[in-house]
PDB file of N, CA and C in Angstrom:
ATOM      1  N   MET A   1     -55.701  -0.759 -59.284  1.00  0.00           N
ATOM      2  CA  MET A   1     -54.450  -1.441 -59.107  1.00  0.00           C
ATOM      3  C   MET A   1     -53.897  -1.179 -57.706  1.00  0.00           C
ATOM      4  N   PRO A   2     -54.665  -1.544 -56.706  1.00  0.00           N
ATOM      5  CA  PRO A   2     -54.247  -1.277 -55.331  1.00  0.00           C
ATOM      6  C   PRO A   2     -52.968  -2.016 -54.931  1.00  0.00           C
ATOM      7  N   GLU A   3     -52.721  -3.191 -55.501  1.00  0.00           N
ATOM      8  CA  GLU A   3     -51.492  -3.927 -55.151  1.00  0.00           C
ATOM      9  C   GLU A   3     -50.259  -3.176 -55.633  1.00  0.00           C
ATOM     10  N   ILE A   4     -50.318  -2.633 -56.827  1.00  0.00           N
ATOM     11  CA  ILE A   4     -49.186  -1.879 -57.373  1.00  0.00           C
ATOM     12  C   ILE A   4     -49.002  -0.587 -56.579  1.00  0.00           C
ATOM     13  N   LEU A   5     -50.082   0.055 -56.232  1.00  0.00           N
ATOM     14  CA  LEU A   5     -50.012   1.277 -55.428  1.00  0.00           C
ATOM     15  C   LEU A   5     -49.355   1.003 -54.081  1.00  0.00           C
ATOM     16  N   LYS A   6     -49.689  -0.111 -53.472  1.00  0.00           N
ATOM     17  CA  LYS A   6     -49.098  -0.478 -52.179  1.00  0.00           C
ATOM     18  C   LYS A   6     -47.580  -0.676 -52.318  1.00  0.00           C
ATOM     19  N   ILE A   7     -47.157  -1.328 -53.387  1.00  0.00           N
ATOM     20  CA  ILE A   7     -45.713  -1.534 -53.639  1.00  0.00           C
ATOM     21  C   ILE A   7     -45.027  -0.194 -53.853  1.00  0.00           C
ATOM     22  N   ALA A   8     -45.644   0.666 -54.659  1.00  0.00           N
ATOM     23  CA  ALA A   8     -45.062   1.984 -54.931  1.00  0.00           C
ATOM     24  C   ALA A   8     -44.945   2.815 -53.664  1.00  0.00           C
ATOM     25  N   GLU A   9     -45.952   2.764 -52.821  1.00  0.00           N
ATOM     26  CA  GLU A   9     -45.905   3.511 -51.560  1.00  0.00           C
ATOM     27  C   GLU A   9     -44.820   2.971 -50.643  1.00  0.00           C
ATOM     28  N   ASN A  10     -44.637   1.679 -50.636  1.00  0.00           N
ATOM     29  CA  ASN A  10     -43.585   1.062 -49.832  1.00  0.00           C
ATOM     30  C   ASN A  10     -42.212   1.531 -50.307  1.00  0.00           C
ATOM     31  N   ILE A  11     -41.996   1.518 -51.617  1.00  0.00           N
ATOM     32  CA  ILE A  11     -40.716   1.971 -52.172  1.00  0.00           C
ATOM     33  C   ILE A  11     -40.499   3.444 -51.864  1.00  0.00           C
ATOM     34  N   LYS A  12     -41.549   4.253 -52.016  1.00  0.00           N
ATOM     35  CA  LYS A  12     -41.443   5.681 -51.716  1.00  0.00           C
ATOM     36  C   LYS A  12     -41.045   5.896 -50.264  1.00  0.00           C
ATOM     37  N   ASN A  13     -41.641   5.156 -49.354  1.00  0.00           N
ATOM     38  CA  ASN A  13     -41.295   5.271 -47.935  1.00  0.00           C
ATOM     39  C   ASN A  13     -39.841   4.897 -47.677  1.00  0.00           C
ATOM     40  N   GLN A  14     -39.355   3.855 -48.342  1.00  0.00           N
ATOM     41  CA  GLN A  14     -37.964   3.440 -48.178  1.00  0.00           C
ATOM     42  C   GLN A  14     -37.016   4.523 -48.692  1.00  0.00           C
ATOM     43  N   VAL A  15     -37.354   5.128 -49.815  1.00  0.00           N
ATOM     44  CA  VAL A  15     -36.531   6.213 -50.374  1.00  0.00           C
ATOM     45  C   VAL A  15     -36.518   7.396 -49.410  1.00  0.00           C
ATOM     46  N   GLU A  16     -37.662   7.746 -48.885  1.00  0.00           N
ATOM     47  CA  GLU A  16     -37.755   8.869 -47.938  1.00  0.00           C
ATOM     48  C   GLU A  16     -36.928   8.596 -46.678  1.00  0.00           C
ATOM     49  N   GLU A  17     -36.911   7.363 -46.214  1.00  0.00           N
ATOM     50  CA  GLU A  17     -36.102   7.000 -45.043  1.00  0.00           C
ATOM     51  C   GLU A  17     -34.613   7.118 -45.345  1.00  0.00           C
ATOM     52  N   PHE A  18     -34.224   6.796 -46.566  1.00  0.00           N
ATOM     53  CA  PHE A  18     -32.813   6.801 -46.933  1.00  0.00           C
ATOM     54  C   PHE A  18     -32.294   8.201 -47.268  1.00  0.00           C
ATOM     55  N   LYS A  19     -33.150   9.087 -47.685  1.00  0.00           N
ATOM     56  CA  LYS A  19     -32.748  10.425 -48.125  1.00  0.00           C
ATOM     57  C   LYS A  19     -31.795  11.144 -47.173  1.00  0.00           C
ATOM     58  N   PRO A  20     -32.046  11.174 -45.865  1.00  0.00           N
ATOM     59  CA  PRO A  20     -31.141  11.895 -44.962  1.00  0.00           C
ATOM     60  C   PRO A  20     -29.731  11.305 -44.925  1.00  0.00           C
ATOM     61  N   GLN A  21     -29.576  10.081 -45.350  1.00  0.00           N
ATOM     62  CA  GLN A  21     -28.279   9.421 -45.307  1.00  0.00           C
ATOM     63  C   GLN A  21     -27.442   9.696 -46.552  1.00  0.00           C
ATOM     64  N   VAL A  22     -28.060  10.171 -47.616  1.00  0.00           N
ATOM     65  CA  VAL A  22     -27.357  10.392 -48.886  1.00  0.00           C
ATOM     66  C   VAL A  22     -26.182  11.352 -48.744  1.00  0.00           C
ATOM     67  N   PRO A  23     -26.317  12.491 -48.057  1.00  0.00           N
ATOM     68  CA  PRO A  23     -25.163  13.393 -47.942  1.00  0.00           C
ATOM     69  C   PRO A  23     -23.945  12.728 -47.284  1.00  0.00           C
ATOM     70  N   ILE A  24     -24.174  11.856 -46.333  1.00  0.00           N
ATOM     71  CA  ILE A  24     -23.061  11.157 -45.676  1.00  0.00           C
ATOM     72  C   ILE A  24     -22.378  10.223 -46.671  1.00  0.00           C
ATOM     73  N   VAL A  25     -23.164   9.480 -47.417  1.00  0.00           N
ATOM     74  CA  VAL A  25     -22.608   8.554 -48.411  1.00  0.00           C
ATOM     75  C   VAL A  25     -21.753   9.320 -49.410  1.00  0.00           C
ATOM     76  N   VAL A  26     -22.299  10.403 -49.933  1.00  0.00           N
ATOM     77  CA  VAL A  26     -21.584  11.193 -50.935  1.00  0.00           C
ATOM     78  C   VAL A  26     -20.291  11.762 -50.347  1.00  0.00           C
ATOM     79  N   ALA A  27     -20.378  12.334 -49.155  1.00  0.00           N
ATOM     80  CA  ALA A  27     -19.205  12.964 -48.537  1.00  0.00           C
ATOM     81  C   ALA A  27     -18.099  11.957 -48.238  1.00  0.00           C
ATOM     82  N   LEU A  28     -18.464  10.803 -47.686  1.00  0.00           N
ATOM     83  CA  LEU A  28     -17.445   9.816 -47.322  1.00  0.00           C
ATOM     84  C   LEU A  28     -16.841   9.123 -48.539  1.00  0.00           C
ATOM     85  N   ARG A  29     -17.532   9.150 -49.665  1.00  0.00           N
ATOM     86  CA  ARG A  29     -17.038   8.505 -50.878  1.00  0.00           C
ATOM     87  C   ARG A  29     -16.339   9.481 -51.816  1.00  0.00           C
ATOM     88  N   THR A  30     -16.126  10.724 -51.388  1.00  0.00           N
ATOM     89  CA  THR A  30     -15.439  11.710 -52.213  1.00  0.00           C
ATOM     90  C   THR A  30     -14.026  11.216 -52.509  1.00  0.00           C
ATOM     91  N   GLU A  31     -13.661  11.253 -53.793  1.00  0.00           N
ATOM     92  CA  GLU A  31     -12.348  10.739 -54.197  1.00  0.00           C
ATOM     93  C   GLU A  31     -11.185  11.466 -53.534  1.00  0.00           C
ATOM     94  N   GLY A  32     -11.390  12.725 -53.187  1.00  0.00           N
ATOM     95  CA  GLY A  32     -10.307  13.513 -52.614  1.00  0.00           C
ATOM     96  C   GLY A  32     -10.052  13.274 -51.138  1.00  0.00           C
ATOM     97  N   MET A  33     -10.804  12.384 -50.502  1.00  0.00           N
ATOM     98  CA  MET A  33     -10.604  12.131 -49.067  1.00  0.00           C
ATOM     99  C   MET A  33      -9.227  11.516 -48.827  1.00  0.00           C
ATOM    100  N   LYS A  34      -8.402  12.256 -48.131  1.00  0.00           N
ATOM    101  CA  LYS A  34      -7.048  11.821 -47.773  1.00  0.00           C
ATOM    102  C   LYS A  34      -6.999  11.619 -46.261  1.00  0.00           C
ATOM    103  N   ASP A  35      -5.863  11.109 -45.792  1.00  0.00           N
ATOM    104  CA  ASP A  35      -5.715  10.883 -44.348  1.00  0.00           C
ATOM    105  C   ASP A  35      -5.988  12.150 -43.547  1.00  0.00           C
ATOM    106  N   ARG A  36      -5.552  13.299 -44.047  1.00  0.00           N
ATOM    107  CA  ARG A  36      -5.765  14.551 -43.298  1.00  0.00           C
ATOM    108  C   ARG A  36      -7.257  14.871 -43.167  1.00  0.00           C
ATOM    109  N   HIS A  37      -8.050  14.481 -44.158  1.00  0.00           N
ATOM    110  CA  HIS A  37      -9.487  14.715 -44.075  1.00  0.00           C
ATOM    111  C   HIS A  37     -10.139  13.778 -43.063  1.00  0.00           C
ATOM    112  N   TRP A  38      -9.693  12.520 -43.064  1.00  0.00           N
ATOM    113  CA  TRP A  38     -10.218  11.571 -42.075  1.00  0.00           C
ATOM    114  C   TRP A  38      -9.825  12.017 -40.671  1.00  0.00           C
ATOM    115  N   ASP A  39      -8.593  12.557 -40.530  1.00  0.00           N
ATOM    116  CA  ASP A  39      -8.155  13.074 -39.225  1.00  0.00           C
ATOM    117  C   ASP A  39      -9.012  14.265 -38.797  1.00  0.00           C
ATOM    118  N   ALA A  40      -9.296  15.168 -39.732  1.00  0.00           N
ATOM    119  CA  ALA A  40     -10.136  16.330 -39.425  1.00  0.00           C
ATOM    120  C   ALA A  40     -11.540  15.881 -39.035  1.00  0.00           C
ATOM    121  N   LEU A  41     -12.044  14.903 -39.739  1.00  0.00           N
ATOM    122  CA  LEU A  41     -13.368  14.376 -39.433  1.00  0.00           C
ATOM    123  C   LEU A  41     -13.388  13.732 -38.054  1.00  0.00           C
ATOM    124  N   THR A  42     -12.365  12.956 -37.752  1.00  0.00           N
ATOM    125  CA  THR A  42     -12.239  12.331 -36.436  1.00  0.00           C
ATOM    126  C   THR A  42     -12.250  13.389 -35.339  1.00  0.00           C
ATOM    127  N   GLN A  43     -11.505  14.457 -35.563  1.00  0.00           N
ATOM    128  CA  GLN A  43     -11.440  15.528 -34.568  1.00  0.00           C
ATOM    129  C   GLN A  43     -12.791  16.219 -34.412  1.00  0.00           C
ATOM    130  N   ARG A  44     -13.488  16.444 -35.502  1.00  0.00           N
ATOM    131  CA  ARG A  44     -14.770  17.161 -35.448  1.00  0.00           C
ATOM    132  C   ARG A  44     -15.867  16.353 -34.760  1.00  0.00           C
ATOM    133  N   VAL A  45     -15.881  15.028 -34.965  1.00  0.00           N
ATOM    134  CA  VAL A  45     -16.957  14.228 -34.379  1.00  0.00           C
ATOM    135  C   VAL A  45     -16.609  13.694 -32.997  1.00  0.00           C
ATOM    136  N   GLY A  46     -15.323  13.676 -32.662  1.00  0.00           N
ATOM    137  CA  GLY A  46     -14.917  13.270 -31.320  1.00  0.00           C
ATOM    138  C   GLY A  46     -14.610  11.790 -31.153  1.00  0.00           C
ATOM    139  N   PHE A  47     -14.594  11.042 -32.235  1.00  0.00           N
ATOM    140  CA  PHE A  47     -14.186   9.638 -32.199  1.00  0.00           C
ATOM    141  C   PHE A  47     -13.617   9.269 -33.569  1.00  0.00           C
ATOM    142  N   GLU A  48     -12.832   8.198 -33.601  1.00  0.00           N
ATOM    143  CA  GLU A  48     -12.111   7.860 -34.829  1.00  0.00           C
ATOM    144  C   GLU A  48     -13.030   7.361 -35.937  1.00  0.00           C
ATOM    145  N   ILE A  49     -12.840   7.979 -37.095  1.00  0.00           N
ATOM    146  CA  ILE A  49     -13.512   7.541 -38.316  1.00  0.00           C
ATOM    147  C   ILE A  49     -12.434   7.415 -39.382  1.00  0.00           C
ATOM    148  N   LYS A  50     -12.175   6.214 -39.793  1.00  0.00           N
ATOM    149  CA  LYS A  50     -11.204   5.938 -40.850  1.00  0.00           C
ATOM    150  C   LYS A  50     -11.703   4.743 -41.638  1.00  0.00           C
ATOM    151  N   PRO A  51     -11.496   4.772 -42.943  1.00  0.00           N
ATOM    152  CA  PRO A  51     -11.901   3.601 -43.731  1.00  0.00           C
ATOM    153  C   PRO A  51     -10.970   2.427 -43.430  1.00  0.00           C
ATOM    154  N   TYR A  52     -11.525   1.252 -43.400  1.00  0.00           N
ATOM    155  CA  TYR A  52     -10.757   0.037 -43.159  1.00  0.00           C
ATOM    156  C   TYR A  52     -11.460  -1.107 -43.872  1.00  0.00           C
ATOM    157  N   GLU A  53     -10.800  -2.219 -43.993  1.00  0.00           N
ATOM    158  CA  GLU A  53     -11.405  -3.404 -44.599  1.00  0.00           C
ATOM    159  C   GLU A  53     -12.683  -3.741 -43.832  1.00  0.00           C
ATOM    160  N   GLY A  54     -13.782  -3.793 -44.524  1.00  0.00           N
ATOM    161  CA  GLY A  54     -15.037  -4.102 -43.875  1.00  0.00           C
ATOM    162  C   GLY A  54     -15.798  -2.870 -43.401  1.00  0.00           C
ATOM    163  N   PHE A  55     -15.269  -1.667 -43.678  1.00  0.00           N
ATOM    164  CA  PHE A  55     -15.947  -0.420 -43.317  1.00  0.00           C
ATOM    165  C   PHE A  55     -17.132  -0.252 -44.263  1.00  0.00           C
ATOM    166  N   THR A  56     -18.318  -0.392 -43.726  1.00  0.00           N
ATOM    167  CA  THR A  56     -19.527  -0.361 -44.541  1.00  0.00           C
ATOM    168  C   THR A  56     -20.431   0.786 -44.095  1.00  0.00           C
ATOM    169  N   PHE A  57     -21.446   1.036 -44.900  1.00  0.00           N
ATOM    170  CA  PHE A  57     -22.400   2.060 -44.516  1.00  0.00           C
ATOM    171  C   PHE A  57     -23.144   1.643 -43.249  1.00  0.00           C
ATOM    172  N   GLY A  58     -23.356   0.356 -43.088  1.00  0.00           N
ATOM    173  CA  GLY A  58     -23.968  -0.144 -41.864  1.00  0.00           C
ATOM    174  C   GLY A  58     -23.147   0.223 -40.642  1.00  0.00           C
ATOM    175  N   LYS A  59     -21.822   0.129 -40.768  1.00  0.00           N
ATOM    176  CA  LYS A  59     -20.937   0.525 -39.663  1.00  0.00           C
ATOM    177  C   LYS A  59     -21.097   2.010 -39.372  1.00  0.00           C
ATOM    178  N   CYS A  60     -21.231   2.805 -40.438  1.00  0.00           N
ATOM    179  CA  CYS A  60     -21.434   4.248 -40.252  1.00  0.00           C
ATOM    180  C   CYS A  60     -22.702   4.513 -39.452  1.00  0.00           C
ATOM    181  N   MET A  61     -23.754   3.775 -39.759  1.00  0.00           N
ATOM    182  CA  MET A  61     -25.012   3.966 -39.043  1.00  0.00           C
ATOM    183  C   MET A  61     -24.891   3.505 -37.592  1.00  0.00           C
ATOM    184  N   GLU A  62     -24.111   2.434 -37.360  1.00  0.00           N
ATOM    185  CA  GLU A  62     -23.868   1.980 -35.989  1.00  0.00           C
ATOM    186  C   GLU A  62     -23.116   3.044 -35.181  1.00  0.00           C
ATOM    187  N   MET A  63     -22.300   3.850 -35.879  1.00  0.00           N
ATOM    188  CA  MET A  63     -21.532   4.910 -35.236  1.00  0.00           C
ATOM    189  C   MET A  63     -22.372   6.184 -35.049  1.00  0.00           C
ATOM    190  N   ASN A  64     -23.651   6.122 -35.439  1.00  0.00           N
ATOM    191  CA  ASN A  64     -24.556   7.272 -35.341  1.00  0.00           C
ATOM    192  C   ASN A  64     -24.037   8.498 -36.089  1.00  0.00           C
ATOM    193  N   LEU A  65     -23.505   8.265 -37.276  1.00  0.00           N
ATOM    194  CA  LEU A  65     -22.938   9.373 -38.034  1.00  0.00           C
ATOM    195  C   LEU A  65     -23.988  10.360 -38.533  1.00  0.00           C
ATOM    196  N   LEU A  66     -25.247   9.966 -38.538  1.00  0.00           N
ATOM    197  CA  LEU A  66     -26.298  10.923 -38.918  1.00  0.00           C
ATOM    198  C   LEU A  66     -26.290  12.145 -38.011  1.00  0.00           C
ATOM    199  N   GLU A  67     -25.882  11.943 -36.771  1.00  0.00           N
ATOM    200  CA  GLU A  67     -25.796  13.062 -35.826  1.00  0.00           C
ATOM    201  C   GLU A  67     -24.715  14.059 -36.218  1.00  0.00           C
ATOM    202  N   HIS A  68     -23.806  13.644 -37.098  1.00  0.00           N
ATOM    203  CA  HIS A  68     -22.662  14.472 -37.482  1.00  0.00           C
ATOM    204  C   HIS A  68     -22.673  14.806 -38.974  1.00  0.00           C
ATOM    205  N   THR A  69     -23.850  14.787 -39.571  1.00  0.00           N
ATOM    206  CA  THR A  69     -23.962  15.011 -41.009  1.00  0.00           C
ATOM    207  C   THR A  69     -23.294  16.305 -41.445  1.00  0.00           C
ATOM    208  N   GLU A  70     -23.535  17.380 -40.718  1.00  0.00           N
ATOM    209  CA  GLU A  70     -22.981  18.682 -41.107  1.00  0.00           C
ATOM    210  C   GLU A  70     -21.451  18.654 -41.164  1.00  0.00           C
ATOM    211  N   ALA A  71     -20.811  18.086 -40.158  1.00  0.00           N
ATOM    212  CA  ALA A  71     -19.346  18.009 -40.134  1.00  0.00           C
ATOM    213  C   ALA A  71     -18.830  17.114 -41.254  1.00  0.00           C
ATOM    214  N   ILE A  72     -19.497  16.009 -41.485  1.00  0.00           N
ATOM    215  CA  ILE A  72     -19.071  15.068 -42.518  1.00  0.00           C
ATOM    216  C   ILE A  72     -19.177  15.704 -43.896  1.00  0.00           C
ATOM    217  N   VAL A  73     -20.283  16.367 -44.153  1.00  0.00           N
ATOM    218  CA  VAL A  73     -20.478  17.021 -45.452  1.00  0.00           C
ATOM    219  C   VAL A  73     -19.449  18.134 -45.629  1.00  0.00           C
ATOM    220  N   ASP A  74     -19.180  18.903 -44.577  1.00  0.00           N
ATOM    221  CA  ASP A  74     -18.195  19.984 -44.658  1.00  0.00           C
ATOM    222  C   ASP A  74     -16.820  19.447 -45.034  1.00  0.00           C
ATOM    223  N   VAL A  75     -16.362  18.416 -44.354  1.00  0.00           N
ATOM    224  CA  VAL A  75     -15.050  17.839 -44.641  1.00  0.00           C
ATOM    225  C   VAL A  75     -15.044  17.204 -46.033  1.00  0.00           C
ATOM    226  N   GLY A  76     -16.098  16.510 -46.390  1.00  0.00           N
ATOM    227  CA  GLY A  76     -16.188  15.888 -47.699  1.00  0.00           C
ATOM    228  C   GLY A  76     -16.142  16.909 -48.826  1.00  0.00           C
ATOM    229  N   GLU A  77     -16.836  18.019 -48.658  1.00  0.00           N
ATOM    230  CA  GLU A  77     -16.824  19.070 -49.680  1.00  0.00           C
ATOM    231  C   GLU A  77     -15.435  19.688 -49.821  1.00  0.00           C
ATOM    232  N   ARG A  78     -14.760  19.915 -48.689  1.00  0.00           N
ATOM    233  CA  ARG A  78     -13.414  20.468 -48.752  1.00  0.00           C
ATOM    234  C   ARG A  78     -12.455  19.526 -49.463  1.00  0.00           C
ATOM    235  N   SER A  79     -12.599  18.219 -49.205  1.00  0.00           N
ATOM    236  CA  SER A  79     -11.698  17.262 -49.836  1.00  0.00           C
ATOM    237  C   SER A  79     -11.961  17.190 -51.332  1.00  0.00           C
ATOM    238  N   GLY A  80     -13.210  17.369 -51.742  1.00  0.00           N
ATOM    239  CA  GLY A  80     -13.549  17.343 -53.156  1.00  0.00           C
ATOM    240  C   GLY A  80     -12.985  18.541 -53.903  1.00  0.00           C
ATOM    241  N   LYS A  81     -12.914  19.663 -53.231  1.00  0.00           N
ATOM    242  CA  LYS A  81     -12.377  20.876 -53.848  1.00  0.00           C
ATOM    243  C   LYS A  81     -10.867  20.813 -53.999  1.00  0.00           C
ATOM    244  N   GLU A  82     -10.215  20.064 -53.097  1.00  0.00           N
ATOM    245  CA  GLU A  82      -8.755  19.953 -53.130  1.00  0.00           C
ATOM    246  C   GLU A  82      -8.299  18.934 -54.151  1.00  0.00           C
ATOM    247  N   PHE A  83      -9.180  18.023 -54.526  1.00  0.00           N
ATOM    248  CA  PHE A  83      -8.825  16.937 -55.442  1.00  0.00           C
ATOM    249  C   PHE A  83      -8.559  17.522 -56.777  1.00  0.00           C
TER     250      PHE A  83
END
């Protein structure tokens, strides 16, 4: 079943590519994220990050947020604990 194997390998590769982005998604979607957390995040990364109409994960990737994963996860975890 080489055709099925090829499809499975393709899906596996896509999952592996997405894995590093999961912590950012989880952190930015934490229910406890308040304005003070977005402000702290903005200060830590050095440019403004705030949710707005049309703020998508694609926009996050355009902002190169993968470079700031540690700061994003830290702020996201703190906001989750305060919620």
